Protein backbone atom coordinates (compact mmCIF):
# COMPACT_ATOMS: atom_id res chain seq x y z
CA UNK A 1 0.00 0.00 0.00
CA UNK A 2 1.21 3.50 -0.82
CA UNK A 3 1.65 5.65 2.26
CA UNK A 4 2.14 8.94 0.40
CA UNK A 5 3.33 10.63 -2.78
CA UNK A 6 6.54 12.60 -2.33
CA UNK A 7 7.21 15.77 -4.26
CA UNK A 8 10.46 16.26 -6.14
CA UNK A 9 12.38 18.10 -3.43
CA UNK A 10 11.30 15.80 -0.63
CA UNK A 11 12.42 12.73 -2.55
CA UNK A 12 15.77 14.22 -3.54
CA UNK A 13 16.49 15.68 -0.12
CA UNK A 14 15.76 12.33 1.51
CA UNK A 15 17.81 10.44 -1.08
CA UNK A 16 20.83 12.70 -0.58
CA UNK A 17 20.34 13.14 3.19
CA UNK A 18 19.98 16.91 2.75
CA UNK A 19 19.49 19.07 5.83
CA UNK A 20 16.67 20.97 4.10
CA UNK A 21 14.33 17.98 4.58
CA UNK A 22 12.12 18.77 7.55
CA UNK A 23 12.24 16.46 10.55
CA UNK A 24 8.52 15.76 10.13
CA UNK A 25 9.01 14.64 6.52
CA UNK A 26 12.10 12.61 7.42
CA UNK A 27 10.30 10.91 10.30
CA UNK A 28 7.32 10.12 8.06
CA UNK A 29 9.54 8.57 5.39
CA UNK A 30 11.55 6.57 7.91
CA UNK A 31 8.35 5.38 9.63
CA UNK A 32 6.85 4.31 6.31
CA UNK A 33 10.05 2.45 5.44
CA UNK A 34 10.07 0.70 8.82
CA UNK A 35 6.49 -0.48 8.19
CA UNK A 36 7.49 -1.55 4.64
CA UNK A 37 5.04 0.90 3.08
CA UNK A 38 5.75 2.52 -0.25
CA UNK A 39 6.15 6.22 -0.95
CA UNK A 40 5.39 7.00 -4.57
CA UNK A 41 7.08 9.57 -6.76
CA UNK A 42 5.01 11.08 -9.53
CA UNK A 43 6.10 10.77 -13.13
CA UNK A 44 6.34 14.56 -13.43
CA UNK A 45 8.88 14.53 -10.58
CA UNK A 46 10.99 12.03 -12.48
CA UNK A 47 10.70 14.17 -15.62
CA UNK A 48 11.74 17.23 -13.60
CA UNK A 49 14.83 15.43 -12.29
CA UNK A 50 15.84 14.39 -15.81
CA UNK A 51 15.28 17.93 -17.10
CA UNK A 52 17.26 19.53 -14.27
CA UNK A 53 20.09 17.03 -14.64
CA UNK A 54 20.32 17.71 -18.38
CA UNK A 55 20.15 21.47 -17.76
CA UNK A 56 22.93 21.28 -15.18
CA UNK A 57 25.06 19.05 -17.41
CA UNK A 58 24.70 21.48 -20.29
CA UNK A 59 25.74 24.41 -18.10
CA UNK A 60 28.62 22.47 -16.55
CA UNK A 61 30.03 21.74 -20.00
CA UNK A 62 29.48 25.31 -21.24
CA UNK A 63 31.87 26.79 -18.70
CA UNK A 64 34.63 24.75 -20.31
CA UNK A 65 34.31 26.60 -23.59
CA UNK A 66 37.40 28.27 -24.85
CA UNK A 67 36.49 31.92 -24.71
CA UNK A 68 38.34 34.15 -27.14
CA UNK A 69 41.22 36.15 -25.78
CA UNK A 70 41.92 39.64 -27.09
CA UNK A 71 44.51 38.20 -29.49
CA UNK A 72 41.96 35.73 -30.95
CA UNK A 73 38.82 37.82 -30.66
CA UNK A 74 37.94 37.24 -34.30
CA UNK A 75 37.54 33.52 -33.59
CA UNK A 76 34.33 32.10 -32.19
CA UNK A 77 34.56 29.97 -29.05
CA UNK A 78 34.46 26.24 -29.68
CA UNK A 79 31.34 24.58 -28.34
CA UNK A 80 31.22 21.13 -26.72
CA UNK A 81 29.56 18.39 -28.77
CA UNK A 82 25.81 18.08 -28.37
CA UNK A 83 24.68 15.29 -26.10
C-alpha atoms as a PDB file:
ATOM      1  CA  UNK A   1       0.000   0.000   0.000  1.00  0.00           C
ATOM      2  CA  UNK A   2       1.213   3.495  -0.818  1.00  0.00           C
ATOM      3  CA  UNK A   3       1.654   5.655   2.262  1.00  0.00           C
ATOM      4  CA  UNK A   4       2.137   8.942   0.403  1.00  0.00           C
ATOM      5  CA  UNK A   5       3.326  10.628  -2.779  1.00  0.00           C
ATOM      6  CA  UNK A   6       6.540  12.602  -2.331  1.00  0.00           C
ATOM      7  CA  UNK A   7       7.211  15.769  -4.265  1.00  0.00           C
ATOM      8  CA  UNK A   8      10.465  16.258  -6.136  1.00  0.00           C
ATOM      9  CA  UNK A   9      12.384  18.104  -3.433  1.00  0.00           C
ATOM     10  CA  UNK A  10      11.298  15.805  -0.627  1.00  0.00           C
ATOM     11  CA  UNK A  11      12.416  12.727  -2.552  1.00  0.00           C
ATOM     12  CA  UNK A  12      15.766  14.224  -3.543  1.00  0.00           C
ATOM     13  CA  UNK A  13      16.490  15.681  -0.119  1.00  0.00           C
ATOM     14  CA  UNK A  14      15.758  12.327   1.509  1.00  0.00           C
ATOM     15  CA  UNK A  15      17.806  10.437  -1.079  1.00  0.00           C
ATOM     16  CA  UNK A  16      20.831  12.704  -0.581  1.00  0.00           C
ATOM     17  CA  UNK A  17      20.344  13.144   3.194  1.00  0.00           C
ATOM     18  CA  UNK A  18      19.978  16.909   2.751  1.00  0.00           C
ATOM     19  CA  UNK A  19      19.488  19.073   5.829  1.00  0.00           C
ATOM     20  CA  UNK A  20      16.665  20.969   4.097  1.00  0.00           C
ATOM     21  CA  UNK A  21      14.334  17.976   4.576  1.00  0.00           C
ATOM     22  CA  UNK A  22      12.120  18.771   7.554  1.00  0.00           C
ATOM     23  CA  UNK A  23      12.238  16.463  10.549  1.00  0.00           C
ATOM     24  CA  UNK A  24       8.516  15.764  10.129  1.00  0.00           C
ATOM     25  CA  UNK A  25       9.010  14.635   6.524  1.00  0.00           C
ATOM     26  CA  UNK A  26      12.095  12.613   7.422  1.00  0.00           C
ATOM     27  CA  UNK A  27      10.301  10.915  10.300  1.00  0.00           C
ATOM     28  CA  UNK A  28       7.325  10.124   8.058  1.00  0.00           C
ATOM     29  CA  UNK A  29       9.544   8.571   5.392  1.00  0.00           C
ATOM     30  CA  UNK A  30      11.548   6.573   7.913  1.00  0.00           C
ATOM     31  CA  UNK A  31       8.353   5.375   9.629  1.00  0.00           C
ATOM     32  CA  UNK A  32       6.853   4.308   6.311  1.00  0.00           C
ATOM     33  CA  UNK A  33      10.052   2.445   5.438  1.00  0.00           C
ATOM     34  CA  UNK A  34      10.067   0.697   8.820  1.00  0.00           C
ATOM     35  CA  UNK A  35       6.490  -0.483   8.190  1.00  0.00           C
ATOM     36  CA  UNK A  36       7.489  -1.553   4.644  1.00  0.00           C
ATOM     37  CA  UNK A  37       5.037   0.904   3.075  1.00  0.00           C
ATOM     38  CA  UNK A  38       5.753   2.525  -0.252  1.00  0.00           C
ATOM     39  CA  UNK A  39       6.147   6.217  -0.946  1.00  0.00           C
ATOM     40  CA  UNK A  40       5.395   7.001  -4.568  1.00  0.00           C
ATOM     41  CA  UNK A  41       7.080   9.569  -6.756  1.00  0.00           C
ATOM     42  CA  UNK A  42       5.012  11.080  -9.535  1.00  0.00           C
ATOM     43  CA  UNK A  43       6.096  10.768 -13.128  1.00  0.00           C
ATOM     44  CA  UNK A  44       6.336  14.557 -13.428  1.00  0.00           C
ATOM     45  CA  UNK A  45       8.880  14.531 -10.585  1.00  0.00           C
ATOM     46  CA  UNK A  46      10.994  12.028 -12.481  1.00  0.00           C
ATOM     47  CA  UNK A  47      10.699  14.166 -15.616  1.00  0.00           C
ATOM     48  CA  UNK A  48      11.744  17.225 -13.597  1.00  0.00           C
ATOM     49  CA  UNK A  49      14.832  15.429 -12.286  1.00  0.00           C
ATOM     50  CA  UNK A  50      15.838  14.385 -15.811  1.00  0.00           C
ATOM     51  CA  UNK A  51      15.279  17.931 -17.098  1.00  0.00           C
ATOM     52  CA  UNK A  52      17.256  19.525 -14.265  1.00  0.00           C
ATOM     53  CA  UNK A  53      20.093  17.027 -14.643  1.00  0.00           C
ATOM     54  CA  UNK A  54      20.318  17.715 -18.384  1.00  0.00           C
ATOM     55  CA  UNK A  55      20.149  21.471 -17.757  1.00  0.00           C
ATOM     56  CA  UNK A  56      22.927  21.278 -15.178  1.00  0.00           C
ATOM     57  CA  UNK A  57      25.059  19.052 -17.406  1.00  0.00           C
ATOM     58  CA  UNK A  58      24.703  21.476 -20.285  1.00  0.00           C
ATOM     59  CA  UNK A  59      25.742  24.408 -18.095  1.00  0.00           C
ATOM     60  CA  UNK A  60      28.619  22.473 -16.554  1.00  0.00           C
ATOM     61  CA  UNK A  61      30.031  21.742 -20.002  1.00  0.00           C
ATOM     62  CA  UNK A  62      29.478  25.314 -21.244  1.00  0.00           C
ATOM     63  CA  UNK A  63      31.866  26.789 -18.696  1.00  0.00           C
ATOM     64  CA  UNK A  64      34.632  24.751 -20.313  1.00  0.00           C
ATOM     65  CA  UNK A  65      34.305  26.601 -23.587  1.00  0.00           C
ATOM     66  CA  UNK A  66      37.399  28.269 -24.853  1.00  0.00           C
ATOM     67  CA  UNK A  67      36.489  31.923 -24.710  1.00  0.00           C
ATOM     68  CA  UNK A  68      38.339  34.147 -27.142  1.00  0.00           C
ATOM     69  CA  UNK A  69      41.218  36.149 -25.784  1.00  0.00           C
ATOM     70  CA  UNK A  70      41.923  39.641 -27.094  1.00  0.00           C
ATOM     71  CA  UNK A  71      44.511  38.200 -29.493  1.00  0.00           C
ATOM     72  CA  UNK A  72      41.964  35.728 -30.945  1.00  0.00           C
ATOM     73  CA  UNK A  73      38.815  37.825 -30.656  1.00  0.00           C
ATOM     74  CA  UNK A  74      37.942  37.243 -34.298  1.00  0.00           C
ATOM     75  CA  UNK A  75      37.536  33.522 -33.594  1.00  0.00           C
ATOM     76  CA  UNK A  76      34.328  32.096 -32.194  1.00  0.00           C
ATOM     77  CA  UNK A  77      34.559  29.972 -29.053  1.00  0.00           C
ATOM     78  CA  UNK A  78      34.459  26.239 -29.681  1.00  0.00           C
ATOM     79  CA  UNK A  79      31.345  24.579 -28.336  1.00  0.00           C
ATOM     80  CA  UNK A  80      31.221  21.134 -26.724  1.00  0.00           C
ATOM     81  CA  UNK A  81      29.559  18.389 -28.773  1.00  0.00           C
ATOM     82  CA  UNK A  82      25.808  18.077 -28.374  1.00  0.00           C
ATOM     83  CA  UNK A  83      24.678  15.291 -26.100  1.00  0.00           C
END
